[in-house]
Protein backbone atom coordinates (compact mmCIF):
# COMPACT_ATOMS: atom_id res chain seq x y z
CA MET A 1 0.16 0.36 0.14
CA ARG A 2 1.07 3.40 -0.88
CA VAL A 3 1.12 6.50 1.75
CA THR A 4 0.84 9.60 0.29
CA ASP A 5 2.65 12.56 1.77
CA ARG A 6 -1.15 14.25 2.71
CA GLN A 7 -1.66 11.05 4.72
CA MET A 8 1.24 10.95 6.56
CA VAL A 9 0.77 15.09 7.32
CA ASP A 10 -3.24 14.04 8.23
CA PHE A 11 -1.70 11.22 10.69
CA ALA A 12 0.97 13.51 12.57
CA ASN A 13 -1.59 15.71 13.63
CA ASP A 14 -2.98 13.02 15.96
CA LEU A 15 0.67 12.39 17.16
CA HIS A 16 1.39 13.41 20.81
CA GLY A 17 4.51 13.54 22.89
CA TRP A 18 7.90 12.22 21.54
CA SER A 19 5.93 10.60 18.42
CA LYS A 20 4.62 14.07 16.98
CA MET A 21 8.81 15.42 17.84
CA VAL A 22 10.33 12.22 15.97
CA TYR A 23 8.01 13.16 12.98
CA LYS A 24 8.66 16.52 12.81
CA PHE A 25 12.69 15.98 13.62
CA GLY A 26 12.67 13.33 10.57
CA CYS A 27 10.68 15.84 8.33
CA ASN A 28 13.02 18.17 8.79
CA PHE A 29 15.83 16.25 8.05
CA ILE A 30 14.40 14.80 5.26
CA HIS A 31 15.14 18.01 3.66
CA LEU A 32 18.91 16.91 3.77
CA SER A 33 19.09 14.46 1.67
CA ASP A 34 18.97 16.50 -1.07
CA CYS A 35 22.11 17.68 -0.62
CA HIS A 36 24.61 15.10 -1.20
CA ASP A 37 27.33 18.04 -1.67
CA TYR A 38 27.74 18.57 1.97
CA HIS A 39 31.47 19.27 1.58
CA ALA A 40 31.33 21.63 -0.90
CA ARG A 41 28.22 23.73 0.97
CA ASP A 42 26.59 23.30 4.30
CA PRO A 43 23.11 21.49 4.07
CA PHE A 44 21.95 22.37 7.62
CA ALA A 45 22.74 26.21 6.85
CA ALA A 46 20.91 25.60 3.38
CA LEU A 47 17.44 24.76 5.59
CA PRO A 48 14.66 27.46 6.09
CA ASP A 49 15.24 29.13 9.44
CA ASP A 50 12.37 27.11 11.24
CA GLU A 51 13.97 23.97 10.58
CA ARG A 52 17.34 24.41 11.73
CA LEU A 53 15.48 26.43 15.14
CA SER A 54 13.55 23.14 15.70
CA ILE A 55 15.85 20.88 15.06
CA ALA A 56 18.55 22.72 17.25
CA GLN A 57 15.63 23.18 20.37
CA TYR A 58 14.99 19.20 20.12
CA LEU A 59 18.97 18.32 20.14
CA ARG A 60 19.09 20.66 23.24
CA GLN A 61 16.25 19.53 24.63
CA TYR A 62 16.69 15.54 24.44
CA HIS A 63 19.95 15.06 23.85
CA GLN A 64 21.98 18.19 26.21
CA GLY A 65 23.68 19.65 23.39
CA ASN A 66 24.78 23.35 22.53
CA ALA A 67 23.07 23.00 19.19
CA SER A 68 21.83 26.51 17.65
CA ALA A 69 20.05 27.41 14.05
CA ASP A 70 23.72 28.83 13.28
CA SER A 71 25.67 25.62 13.85
CA THR A 72 26.52 23.44 10.95
CA PHE A 73 26.05 20.49 9.64
CA GLU A 74 29.34 18.45 10.70
CA GLU A 75 27.93 19.94 14.35
CA ILE A 76 24.59 18.39 13.89
CA SER A 77 25.86 15.23 12.62
CA ALA A 78 27.77 14.61 15.82
CA TYR A 79 23.90 13.76 17.26
CA PHE A 80 22.74 11.24 14.76
CA PRO A 81 23.81 8.28 16.59
CA LYS A 82 22.12 9.65 19.82
CA VAL A 83 18.93 10.85 18.08
CA LEU A 84 18.95 7.40 16.47
CA GLU A 85 19.29 5.30 19.75
CA LYS A 86 16.31 7.14 21.45
CA ILE A 87 14.01 6.90 18.46
CA SER A 88 15.16 3.21 18.82
CA ALA A 89 14.70 2.56 22.47
CA ASN A 90 11.29 4.32 22.79
CA LEU A 91 9.83 2.54 19.50
CA GLU A 92 11.01 -0.43 21.55
CA HIS A 93 9.31 0.87 24.90
CA GLU A 94 6.02 1.71 23.09
CA LEU A 95 6.12 -1.93 21.27
CA ARG A 96 6.36 -3.82 24.59
CA GLY A 97 3.44 -1.58 25.64
CA LEU A 98 1.35 -2.58 22.92
CA GLU A 99 2.15 -6.01 23.48
CA HIS A 100 0.92 -6.52 26.71
CA ASP A 101 -2.34 -4.07 26.46
CA PRO A 102 -5.38 -6.14 26.95
CA ASP A 103 -7.63 -3.86 25.19
CA LEU A 104 -5.20 -4.79 21.89
CA ARG A 105 -5.19 -8.25 22.90
CA THR A 106 -9.18 -8.27 23.12
CA ASN A 107 -9.35 -6.40 19.78
CA ALA A 108 -7.00 -8.99 18.20
CA GLN A 109 -8.49 -12.13 19.72
CA ASP A 110 -12.38 -10.38 18.35
CA SER A 111 -10.92 -9.45 15.00
CA HIS A 112 -9.73 -13.53 14.39
CA SER A 113 -12.69 -14.88 15.32
CA ILE A 114 -14.95 -12.80 13.16
CA GLU A 115 -12.64 -13.76 10.13
CA ALA A 116 -13.18 -17.54 11.04
């Protein structure tokens, strides 16, 4: 199934807490993928001011960094491993919660009995 950008934006409007911040962070970072020549020019500096500020705020808030909207791509990239580790840990935590959610188990059992 193909998911459109519009569907992702609509879905993201219902996100809260860390999942909304991760989605927004990812959307801002996706623009960096167009900048493959980062040795020649700084792709972080090429982002709009609000996106650079949002990324810097995220890094300061969740990774105790000193990033700012004026940071370089090299400075920001030093946070990538920490960001990915935090996202991975949060996803694992959420999945464990879903696995132990009695309401989800009841709904899953009900849907299997309907199919049978």
